[in-house]
Amino acid sequence: MEKNINISVIRLISLLMIITCHIFQGLDNELAFWFNLGVQIFFFISGYLYGNKEVKDFKKFFKNKIIKILMPLSVLVLIMVIVEYFCFNHSYSKKFILANLLGFGGVYGTLDLLGNTWFVSYILICYLLTPVLQKLIKNNVNATKNFLILIVLSILFMEFDVMYINGIWLCNYIIGYYYGSNIKTKKKKRDFRYIILALITIVLPFSLCLKYDLINGIPNIIRSHRLLICSMEHTLLGCLLFLMFNFVLGKINIKDNYILRFSDKYSYYIYLVHQIFILNDMSLLNLTDYFMINIIIIFIMAILCGVILYWLCFLILKLSKTILVKN
């Protein structure tokens, strides 16, 4: 599929939103809540891209995803287990380490310095859903009905704590897939945007009332579902931001450039390592007395370590192929 420059820009914006969110989180600033939408946009992007094409060989598809998604995580987990043990006296059970090596951190819990790697568990689940989505949504006349059923099932997945997974986050991938697969005309695209906007107009005020306790007398049964409502609001906001960015960028003639190519190549690796330098024991937020200098150092370290992780994985993969060929 031809490269979509808009997607590259949105991917970069999403990465910056995630890093900014964690910086505000490290500062205990309320703005972290409003920047906490980058991951939802990432899920939507992934669904949208696969909704735009047909996967013919799912065996090859899953093999590629394991190498691209799971291998960098496993390498990073091994490194950080050693760092945490010798530098901070953190120790983990073999079962816990194995779960993180296999990408189950979103289910069993993550290493202290890699709290953001829960994302890997979710994106792997999304990729496992792809054959189902392709069959039920892309190749079926009841696509809309099946799409809505999957959304409801994802919500119930969270409601009943199935595997401790927040099923609402899966909705961003499902909605993105549906949008990419079935929205072919300008009218349908416009209608889809209006539907998302209408839903967020309803859900957002209600979610904010619960978050900031703006209305007295809200029944406890509703308050008990605060996390569910907040998750739905973030899901819808993530969808809306993608649609807005894509619409605006469609009016701008952005050329492919080095920054976008760099981001496309290294963004996942930068995502994996960036939180190490923002939250917990290795935070650089207070490294000096100058806030902006600290932020610049954080970005430099995240980019540098992300690039190192990429090339380390590249060398491991190349070495593995060489050994296999010799054998």
Protein backbone atom coordinates (compact mmCIF):
# COMPACT_ATOMS: atom_id res chain seq x y z
CA MET A 1 0.00 0.00 0.00
CA GLU A 2 1.26 3.45 -0.93
CA LYS A 3 2.65 5.44 1.97
CA ASN A 4 0.15 7.81 3.55
CA ILE A 5 1.95 10.99 4.63
CA ASN A 6 -1.03 12.03 6.78
CA ILE A 7 -0.69 8.83 8.81
CA SER A 8 3.03 9.50 9.32
CA VAL A 9 2.24 12.98 10.67
CA ILE A 10 -0.54 11.71 12.94
CA ARG A 11 1.75 8.95 14.23
CA LEU A 12 4.39 11.54 15.14
CA ILE A 13 1.79 13.77 16.84
CA SER A 14 0.55 10.77 18.82
CA LEU A 15 4.06 9.90 20.01
CA LEU A 16 4.62 13.50 21.14
CA MET A 17 1.26 13.45 22.96
CA ILE A 18 2.24 10.28 24.83
CA ILE A 19 5.62 11.67 25.89
CA THR A 20 3.99 14.97 26.91
CA CYS A 21 1.35 13.09 28.90
CA HIS A 22 4.01 11.23 30.87
CA ILE A 23 5.95 14.44 31.51
CA PHE A 24 2.84 16.07 32.97
CA GLN A 25 2.16 12.86 34.89
CA GLY A 26 5.66 13.04 36.35
CA LEU A 27 4.95 16.63 37.36
CA ASP A 28 1.60 15.58 38.86
CA ASN A 29 -0.10 18.04 36.50
CA GLU A 30 -3.77 17.70 35.53
CA LEU A 31 -2.88 18.30 31.87
CA ALA A 32 -1.68 14.67 31.73
CA PHE A 33 -5.36 13.66 31.54
CA TRP A 34 -5.88 15.72 28.38
CA PHE A 35 -2.77 14.48 26.59
CA ASN A 36 -3.52 10.87 27.47
CA LEU A 37 -4.98 10.10 24.04
CA GLY A 38 -1.93 9.20 21.97
CA VAL A 39 -2.23 5.44 22.50
CA GLN A 40 -5.90 5.50 21.46
CA ILE A 41 -4.87 7.28 18.24
CA PHE A 42 -2.16 4.67 17.66
CA PHE A 43 -4.74 1.89 17.94
CA PHE A 44 -7.03 3.70 15.51
CA ILE A 45 -4.14 4.16 13.04
CA SER A 46 -3.30 0.44 13.13
CA GLY A 47 -6.93 -0.56 12.58
CA TYR A 48 -7.35 2.01 9.82
CA LEU A 49 -4.27 0.79 7.94
CA TYR A 50 -5.29 -2.88 8.02
CA GLY A 51 -8.87 -1.98 7.16
CA ASN A 52 -7.52 -0.47 3.95
CA LYS A 53 -5.94 -3.70 2.74
CA GLU A 54 -6.53 -7.42 2.73
CA VAL A 55 -4.19 -9.79 4.55
CA LYS A 56 -3.84 -12.92 2.43
CA ASP A 57 -1.33 -14.87 4.53
CA PHE A 58 -2.04 -14.60 8.26
CA LYS A 59 0.78 -16.99 9.15
CA LYS A 60 3.26 -14.56 7.62
CA PHE A 61 1.33 -11.64 9.14
CA PHE A 62 1.67 -12.97 12.69
CA LYS A 63 5.32 -13.93 12.18
CA ASN A 64 6.15 -10.39 11.06
CA LYS A 65 4.26 -8.88 13.99
CA ILE A 66 6.07 -11.07 16.51
CA ILE A 67 9.42 -9.95 15.10
CA LYS A 68 8.44 -6.28 14.82
CA ILE A 69 6.45 -5.86 18.06
CA LEU A 70 7.53 -8.58 20.49
CA MET A 71 11.24 -8.87 19.76
CA PRO A 72 12.15 -5.25 20.72
CA LEU A 73 10.08 -5.58 23.88
CA SER A 74 11.81 -8.84 24.88
CA VAL A 75 15.27 -7.34 24.34
CA LEU A 76 14.34 -4.26 26.38
CA VAL A 77 12.79 -6.32 29.18
CA LEU A 78 15.97 -8.42 29.52
CA ILE A 79 18.09 -5.28 29.71
CA MET A 80 15.84 -3.56 32.24
CA VAL A 81 15.53 -6.64 34.47
CA ILE A 82 19.32 -6.53 34.85
CA VAL A 83 19.36 -2.73 35.34
CA GLU A 84 16.60 -2.81 37.96
CA TYR A 85 18.21 -5.70 39.86
CA PHE A 86 21.73 -4.27 40.09
CA CYS A 87 20.88 -0.55 40.26
CA PHE A 88 17.65 -0.48 42.28
CA ASN A 89 17.53 -3.89 43.96
CA HIS A 90 14.27 -4.79 42.19
CA SER A 91 13.67 -8.50 41.71
CA TYR A 92 10.87 -10.32 39.88
CA SER A 93 9.70 -13.91 39.74
CA LYS A 94 10.64 -16.02 36.71
CA LYS A 95 6.96 -16.27 35.78
CA PHE A 96 6.58 -12.49 35.88
CA ILE A 97 9.69 -11.95 33.73
CA LEU A 98 8.54 -14.60 31.24
CA ALA A 99 5.12 -12.97 31.00
CA ASN A 100 6.74 -9.63 30.15
CA LEU A 101 9.11 -11.22 27.65
CA LEU A 102 6.10 -12.69 25.85
CA GLY A 103 4.18 -9.41 25.85
CA PHE A 104 1.71 -10.17 28.66
CA GLY A 105 2.70 -7.17 30.78
CA GLY A 106 -0.72 -5.62 30.19
CA VAL A 107 -2.28 -8.66 31.91
CA TYR A 108 0.24 -9.65 34.62
CA GLY A 109 1.79 -6.25 35.28
CA THR A 110 4.91 -4.58 33.92
CA LEU A 111 8.42 -3.91 35.18
CA ASP A 112 8.63 -0.81 37.37
CA LEU A 113 10.56 1.14 34.74
CA LEU A 114 8.46 -0.08 31.80
CA GLY A 115 4.92 0.77 32.87
CA ASN A 116 3.97 1.89 29.36
CA THR A 117 4.65 -1.55 27.83
CA TRP A 118 1.10 -2.65 28.68
CA PHE A 119 0.43 -1.29 25.18
CA VAL A 120 2.15 -4.34 23.61
CA SER A 121 -0.37 -6.78 25.12
CA TYR A 122 -3.23 -4.76 23.70
CA ILE A 123 -1.82 -4.31 20.20
CA LEU A 124 -1.04 -8.04 20.02
CA ILE A 125 -4.66 -8.78 20.93
CA CYS A 126 -5.74 -6.34 18.21
CA TYR A 127 -3.61 -8.20 15.67
CA LEU A 128 -5.16 -11.49 16.80
CA LEU A 129 -8.56 -9.90 16.12
CA THR A 130 -7.56 -8.93 12.58
CA PRO A 131 -8.60 -12.23 10.90
CA VAL A 132 -11.97 -11.98 12.66
CA LEU A 133 -12.41 -8.35 11.60
CA GLN A 134 -11.45 -9.16 8.02
CA LYS A 135 -14.03 -11.94 7.88
CA LEU A 136 -16.88 -10.31 9.78
CA ILE A 137 -16.53 -6.69 8.71
CA LYS A 138 -14.76 -6.60 5.39
CA ASN A 139 -16.29 -9.63 3.66
CA ASN A 140 -19.83 -9.62 5.02
CA VAL A 141 -22.96 -7.69 4.01
CA ASN A 142 -23.80 -7.29 7.71
CA ALA A 143 -20.57 -5.41 8.38
CA THR A 144 -22.14 -2.61 10.42
CA LYS A 145 -24.12 -5.05 12.57
CA ASN A 146 -21.02 -7.18 13.23
CA PHE A 147 -19.00 -4.05 13.98
CA LEU A 148 -21.49 -2.97 16.64
CA ILE A 149 -21.55 -6.47 18.15
CA LEU A 150 -17.75 -6.43 18.46
CA ILE A 151 -17.88 -3.01 20.15
CA VAL A 152 -20.44 -4.28 22.69
CA LEU A 153 -18.36 -7.41 23.33
CA SER A 154 -15.26 -5.27 23.92
CA ILE A 155 -17.15 -3.18 26.48
CA LEU A 156 -18.40 -6.33 28.24
CA PHE A 157 -14.83 -7.66 28.13
CA MET A 158 -13.85 -4.77 30.40
CA GLU A 159 -17.03 -4.73 32.48
CA PHE A 160 -16.53 -8.32 33.62
CA ASP A 161 -12.73 -8.04 34.05
CA VAL A 162 -11.93 -10.71 31.46
CA MET A 163 -8.15 -11.31 31.77
CA TYR A 164 -7.93 -7.86 33.45
CA ILE A 165 -7.94 -6.28 29.98
CA ASN A 166 -9.58 -2.90 29.34
CA GLY A 167 -11.62 -3.97 26.33
CA ILE A 168 -12.55 -0.37 25.57
CA TRP A 169 -9.04 0.27 24.19
CA LEU A 170 -9.62 -2.52 21.67
CA CYS A 171 -12.53 -0.48 20.33
CA ASN A 172 -10.14 2.08 18.82
CA TYR A 173 -8.60 -0.63 16.65
CA ILE A 174 -12.01 -2.05 15.73
CA ILE A 175 -13.47 1.36 14.88
CA GLY A 176 -10.33 2.26 12.92
CA TYR A 177 -10.56 -1.01 10.98
CA TYR A 178 -14.23 -0.44 10.21
CA TYR A 179 -13.55 3.13 9.10
CA GLY A 180 -10.69 2.11 6.85
CA SER A 181 -12.56 -0.86 5.42
CA ASN A 182 -16.03 0.49 4.80
CA ILE A 183 -15.90 4.26 4.50
CA LYS A 184 -15.47 4.75 0.75
CA THR A 185 -17.34 7.95 -0.10
CA LYS A 186 -17.08 11.54 1.12
CA LYS A 187 -20.66 11.41 2.37
CA LYS A 188 -19.99 8.32 4.49
CA LYS A 189 -16.79 9.83 5.85
CA ARG A 190 -18.69 12.99 6.81
CA ASP A 191 -21.50 10.97 8.42
CA PHE A 192 -18.97 8.91 10.39
CA ARG A 193 -17.32 12.08 11.72
CA TYR A 194 -20.72 13.46 12.75
CA ILE A 195 -21.58 10.24 14.60
CA ILE A 196 -18.30 10.28 16.55
CA LEU A 197 -18.73 13.99 17.30
CA ALA A 198 -22.30 13.44 18.51
CA LEU A 199 -21.24 10.57 20.78
CA ILE A 200 -18.36 12.51 22.33
CA THR A 201 -20.66 15.51 22.85
CA ILE A 202 -22.85 13.25 24.97
CA VAL A 203 -20.20 11.21 26.77
CA LEU A 204 -17.53 13.87 27.50
CA PRO A 205 -19.64 16.20 29.72
CA PHE A 206 -20.98 13.19 31.62
CA SER A 207 -17.45 11.82 32.11
CA LEU A 208 -16.13 15.18 33.32
CA CYS A 209 -18.99 15.47 35.81
CA LEU A 210 -17.97 12.13 37.27
CA LYS A 211 -14.23 12.89 37.21
CA TYR A 212 -14.50 16.29 38.93
CA ASP A 213 -17.66 15.50 40.95
CA LEU A 214 -19.51 18.49 39.43
CA ILE A 215 -23.01 17.19 40.12
CA ASN A 216 -24.32 16.08 43.49
CA GLY A 217 -26.62 13.14 43.82
CA ILE A 218 -25.21 10.95 41.04
CA PRO A 219 -26.29 7.37 41.92
CA ASN A 220 -23.56 5.10 43.24
CA ILE A 221 -24.26 2.55 40.53
CA ILE A 222 -23.20 5.14 37.95
CA ARG A 223 -20.21 6.26 40.00
CA SER A 224 -19.06 2.63 40.18
CA HIS A 225 -18.80 2.66 36.38
CA ARG A 226 -16.68 5.79 36.30
CA LEU A 227 -13.65 3.98 34.78
CA LEU A 228 -15.84 2.48 32.05
CA ILE A 229 -17.33 5.86 31.15
CA CYS A 230 -13.92 7.58 31.23
CA SER A 231 -12.47 4.86 28.99
CA MET A 232 -15.33 5.29 26.52
CA GLU A 233 -14.73 9.05 26.49
CA HIS A 234 -10.99 8.57 25.79
CA THR A 235 -11.77 6.07 23.04
CA LEU A 236 -14.14 8.49 21.33
CA LEU A 237 -11.73 11.41 21.75
CA GLY A 238 -8.96 9.31 20.21
CA CYS A 239 -11.19 8.54 17.22
CA LEU A 240 -12.25 12.17 16.91
CA LEU A 241 -8.68 13.48 17.02
CA PHE A 242 -7.59 11.08 14.30
CA LEU A 243 -10.51 12.15 12.10
CA MET A 244 -9.81 15.83 12.76
CA PHE A 245 -6.06 15.51 12.10
CA ASN A 246 -6.69 13.48 8.95
CA PHE A 247 -9.25 16.01 7.70
CA VAL A 248 -7.00 19.03 8.32
CA LEU A 249 -3.91 17.33 6.89
CA GLY A 250 -5.93 16.42 3.82
CA LYS A 251 -6.20 20.14 3.10
CA ILE A 252 -2.44 20.64 3.47
CA ASN A 253 0.10 19.42 0.96
CA ILE A 254 2.77 17.95 3.25
CA LYS A 255 5.76 16.42 1.52
CA ASP A 256 7.58 13.36 2.75
CA ASN A 257 10.69 14.43 4.67
CA TYR A 258 13.49 13.14 6.88
CA ILE A 259 11.63 13.81 10.15
CA LEU A 260 8.61 11.74 9.08
CA ARG A 261 10.79 8.93 7.73
CA PHE A 262 12.77 8.93 10.99
CA SER A 263 9.55 8.86 13.02
CA ASP A 264 8.07 6.02 10.98
CA LYS A 265 11.22 3.96 11.47
CA TYR A 266 11.93 4.57 15.15
CA SER A 267 8.67 5.74 16.79
CA TYR A 268 7.79 2.33 18.28
CA TYR A 269 11.27 1.96 19.78
CA ILE A 270 11.23 5.48 21.17
CA TYR A 271 7.82 4.74 22.66
CA LEU A 272 9.16 1.63 24.41
CA VAL A 273 12.06 3.43 26.10
CA HIS A 274 10.84 6.99 26.71
CA GLN A 275 9.06 6.42 30.04
CA ILE A 276 12.26 5.12 31.61
CA PHE A 277 13.57 8.70 31.67
CA ILE A 278 10.36 10.37 32.84
CA LEU A 279 8.76 8.31 35.60
CA ASN A 280 10.06 6.21 38.49
CA ASP A 281 13.68 5.75 39.63
CA MET A 282 15.46 6.88 36.46
CA SER A 283 13.43 10.04 35.91
CA LEU A 284 15.40 13.00 34.54
CA LEU A 285 12.65 15.55 35.22
CA ASN A 286 14.63 16.97 38.12
CA LEU A 287 18.12 16.33 36.77
CA THR A 288 18.99 20.05 36.79
CA ASP A 289 17.36 23.20 38.13
CA TYR A 290 16.27 24.14 34.61
CA PHE A 291 13.05 22.49 33.49
CA MET A 292 13.52 23.00 29.72
CA ILE A 293 17.05 21.58 29.86
CA ASN A 294 15.66 18.50 31.59
CA ILE A 295 13.00 18.11 28.90
CA ILE A 296 15.57 18.42 26.11
CA ILE A 297 17.77 15.80 27.79
CA ILE A 298 14.76 13.47 28.15
CA PHE A 299 13.97 13.74 24.44
CA ILE A 300 17.62 13.21 23.50
CA MET A 301 17.88 10.11 25.71
CA ALA A 302 14.57 8.69 24.46
CA ILE A 303 15.56 9.17 20.82
CA LEU A 304 19.11 7.89 21.34
CA CYS A 305 18.04 4.78 23.27
CA GLY A 306 15.19 4.13 20.84
CA VAL A 307 17.63 4.16 17.91
CA ILE A 308 20.08 1.94 19.81
CA LEU A 309 17.28 -0.55 20.58
CA TYR A 310 16.29 -0.60 16.90
CA TRP A 311 19.80 -1.39 15.70
CA LEU A 312 20.40 -3.89 18.51
CA CYS A 313 17.29 -5.79 17.39
CA PHE A 314 18.43 -5.49 13.77
CA LEU A 315 21.80 -7.04 14.62
CA ILE A 316 20.22 -9.84 16.68
CA LEU A 317 17.83 -10.65 13.84
CA LYS A 318 20.62 -10.58 11.26
CA LEU A 319 22.81 -12.82 13.43
CA SER A 320 19.91 -15.25 13.95
CA LYS A 321 19.33 -15.51 10.20
CA THR A 322 23.04 -16.10 9.61
CA ILE A 323 23.12 -18.95 12.16
CA LEU A 324 19.98 -20.52 10.67
CA VAL A 325 21.45 -20.41 7.16
CA LYS A 326 24.68 -22.05 8.33
CA ASN A 327 22.73 -24.82 10.08
